[in-house]
Amino acid sequence: MDTEVAKNLIASLLDRIEIDPSSGKKKLLGLISDREIAALHHFSGIEEPVTSSVMLRQRINENPLQDEKTVQVKLNLDSLDKAVEEGIILCLDFGTAFSKACAMTDGEDLVDLPLGKKAGEEGLVYPVNSTIYFADGRIWFGPQAIKLSERDQDPKRQRFDSPKQAISQGDFENIQHRFVDDAINPTSVKFTVSDLIQLYLAYLTAIATACLEDAGHSAYVRRRFARPSWPADQAEWANRELSSMMARAQILADTWRNRWADGLLVEEARFALDELKKLTSEPAQLIIEPVLEATAAGNSALRRASPSRSLCMVVDAGAGTCDFGLFYIVRINDTLLRVAEVSGSSVVLRQAGDTVDRMLVDAILAKEALRIGSAEYDNVLVDLKKRIRGWKEKLFRDGHLDYQLTNDGAGVIKVSEFLARDEVRRFQDALERRFRESLEGISDSWNAAAQNGRIHVLLTGGSANLPMVKQLSEGVVEANGTHFLRERLDALPDWIGLDYPELVPEFGQLAVCIGGAAENLPRLTGVYTEFGGAAPPGARYIPPASKG
């Protein structure tokens, strides 16, 4: 073997060594390829045996059914009979780009759930990547999926990114029967879109419940998931199917307890999913009603001091969607709030942070004038997609982006230049349209609830600081012939800054799961279709957080 090639292979091995969070010892991520074995022998001077353990594993993977014991999995069904720990609620924010979780006790104390740290994310404490990757005969999740896809650098391969988008943009019957393509799953063992969503939810559940146990709680607590605003017919089946998938996720989480960071053999994953589908019961006692993402995000902020009476538009801007919802808030006294969600105001734009990522990729490629379909273009594109989120943050933080590509192309993009692009302007227009549609979907009687024609705007979510999102809290908006002056409401509740200062930098991404973990939530009911005066009839009382 050529020495330079061997050096590169050894470097790849070293890059995959990481510190195990539980033991503190070093471990190697993924299987070792024949070429990497050869590189080790090249420098060690030890002759490579004819049949290495790696070659044996490869032979088994080539014919996985030659020994039936290698694919059998016994599902752990302990959760079916487990009593639920009372006095605590877990909220899972199954995000498009990142997923998060938070738990809250009935005494309004937050339970720290650092999913990112637990999963091994680099530089992320609370969010974990919503992604899956097939490599070395295994299925990998979160940060391990990212690392192995970056190791492979194969333009013909793709990660299964943004799994929630498959639900938001499709129907459940379709994703149950549609197999993912070969770019995602290059193995001969087939998986549907629904299969991979179920596996990711199990992974998310495993990390969240492990964090709960680290904090001294049971893994078996009541939980709800946060969801986007879907059309009524879609919401009906999506709520039902996702609730079932969330319940069954606990079974898989228990089955592969403490094994997720090492990946799942594709054969055992397939076998376990097939066994899961045969079950006639599930731990439904763990699941409580889902919550709209905009409702949950608003619940976190609206617990702090607010004007005596006002309308507030909550804009939850994530990676895949921007959700809009209007709330009516009445300050009764220093210790009591009434909050109502206004019927007809929940709308969604299925474009958000990921959309801006794609537009920035296009802006860079346009500057470089690469030929679409060429090997050079494909290689640059693969690398760009992996870097673009960090580059986007740098662009808006610094006002410009100095980029360098894998083909040695380099350049600068200024914020003003990027925001002037036609596709970016169209995205800004789409955001404004959805804002107006949210207001146009409500009864005209609510106009009287706007104090002096003003409405507050609460921006939350991982994309809340994008300039085109920030503009939604500025200026005047017209809906149904009425003009409203928008005033931005600080998204950060006072008690978060006072009692949980470590969460302040992360709050934009955690607002949904923090609000969704509360016992009491604003609920959409028919009584709030019309404005009836100082306070909506029968509004739900929400006790303030004990932090003030």
Foldseek 3Di string as FASTA:
>chain_A
DDLVVLVVLVVLQVVQWDQQPPPRDIDGAADRDPSNVVSVCVVVVDDDDPDDPLNVVVVCLVPVPPPVVSQDFDWDAVLQPDDADPQKEKEWALFQFWIFIWMAGQLGDTQDQQLCVNLVHDPGRTIWGQKWADDNQFIAGTPSRLSVCVSVLDLLADIRGRLVVCLQVHAPVVQCPAWDDCNRPVGPQTDGSVLVVLQSLLVSLLSRLVSCVVSPHHSQHAYAYEDADHPPVSCVVCQVVVLQSNQLSPRVSVRCRPNRSRGGRSSNSSNVVVVSVPDPDTSSVRYDGYHYLQQLLCLQALLADDPQWAKEWEWQAEAFKTWIWIKIWHDPDRWWIFIATAPQLIDMDRHHNVNLLVLVLVVVCVVVVDDPPDPVVSSQSSVSSSCSVVQVVVQVVVQKGWDATPVRDTDMDGPVNSCPDPVNVVVLVVVLVSNQSSVQRADPQCCVRHDVQEHEYEYAYPRCPPPSNVCVQQDWHDHPRGIHGGHYDYSHHPLCCVPPVVCVVVCRHCSSNSSRNHPDTHDHDPQNRHDDPSHGPPGDMDGRNPSD
